[in-house]
Amino acid sequence: MRSARIPAAAAVAPVLALALALGAPLGGGAGTAVAADGPAVTLSKSQAGTGGSLTVTGSGWRSRAMLMILICGRSTPSRGVSGGTDSCANADGRAVTADAEGDFSRRVPVAEPPVPCPCVVRVATITGKKAEAFAAFQVAGHSVEPLPPETTGGRLSVLTDTELRGASGLLTWFGAPATRELVLTVGNVGASPVENPVFQVGTSHGVYAPQWEDHQWHGTIEPGRKARVSLPVELAAGAHGDYTVSLTYGGKVLAEHPWNVGRPWGVTLFWLLLCLVVPAALFRVGLAVVDRFRPRRTASGRRSRRRSPLPGLTRRLPRWGASTGAHAEPRPSPAGARTTSRTTSALPWFTPDTDPGATAAGALSAPREDSPTTPTREGSA
């Protein structure tokens, strides 16, 4: 009698069907978060202590999307991060870029969040369309506290696109903080009114986490009603580049709006002018100092004469412009000497008899009677 043999495939089939019916996982990482039509996150460990590390694997993300991985406290995958990124270990976060198929794998350090657990690993997009996913994680040695009860009151939702109103002035061109008004319309989709809601407005630049500020809107929004909300937004002095303005309420992101801030060219112009004015001022000061200590002219307008190194030689040399020889003036006759009635001409090419300057002696006038060479009228007659 032969024993009946059951094929192996027939024996395994009922086990697989039962496992699929009960929803038992057949494999995968320690912690997995899968959305119906969204991205998924898988952890290599479900628990680790501070100083350790774990590998985060994702799939189903947008192609080439930039993502930020954070460990957050006071959160669950179903409720998300209730305190926003303020309840996450932002200093130990890691950025990653998905590949062309939307997959990634990144090793991140384990750090304690600033609030107690339960904790999650949050993966969210940095730029582009908002998307996020969570996976439960336990930080060993970190305190654990129960989550606060979830409110069942009013819930706000954005009904229109956000817009930034305002313009930059002259002071902003010189580095003053840029300010705008974030304007949007929200509606109460809950069952109870919302009184004086507190919104969180954050600005982020590049891959950095937003800097959140609380702004309270005064008023009451009844269930099924809507309201126009305007909230101030301000950047730091001298900020420029591409920024993103985010708005959250109740730990959930309601809207994001891009903001392109121009460069403060007035500051650049100021430094250029300073580089030109300061050297010019120093040059003028140097000229004033040189003019103050340089030698001055004498009172008569002539420069002070320097002492000649050869005084004997300079005495014997004729002076420039002095007359010599025939050009020399006649020396005065010594005392007691007989003076003649004629003066010697200073010009050498004239003789004493033909000197035109001897008019004072009467050479050109009528001859005197006592002159032996002058003929008289009687002799001529």
Foldseek 3Di string as FASTA:
>chain_A
DDDDDDDPVVVCVVVVVVCVVVVPDPDFAPWKWDDPQAKIKGWNDQEEAAPAKIKIKMARAAAFFKKKKWKFFLDDQVRGRQVACLRTPQVQIDIDTAHRRRIDMDMGGDDHTPDADQIWIKMWTDDDDTDIGIITHYHPPGHHDDHDDDDQAWDKAFDDAKDWDDDDDPVLLQFAKDKTKIKTKMATQGQAKDAFFKKWKFKDDDRHDTDTDIDTDGDIHGHPGMDMDIDMDIDHTQDFAKMKIWMDGSNDTRHIDIDGGHGSCSNVVVVVVVVVVVVVVVVVVVVVVCVVPDDDDDPVRHRDDDDDPCVPVVVPDDDPPDDDDLQDDDDDDDPPDDDDPFDDDSDPVADSLRDPVRVVVVSVHDDDPPDPVDDDPVVVD
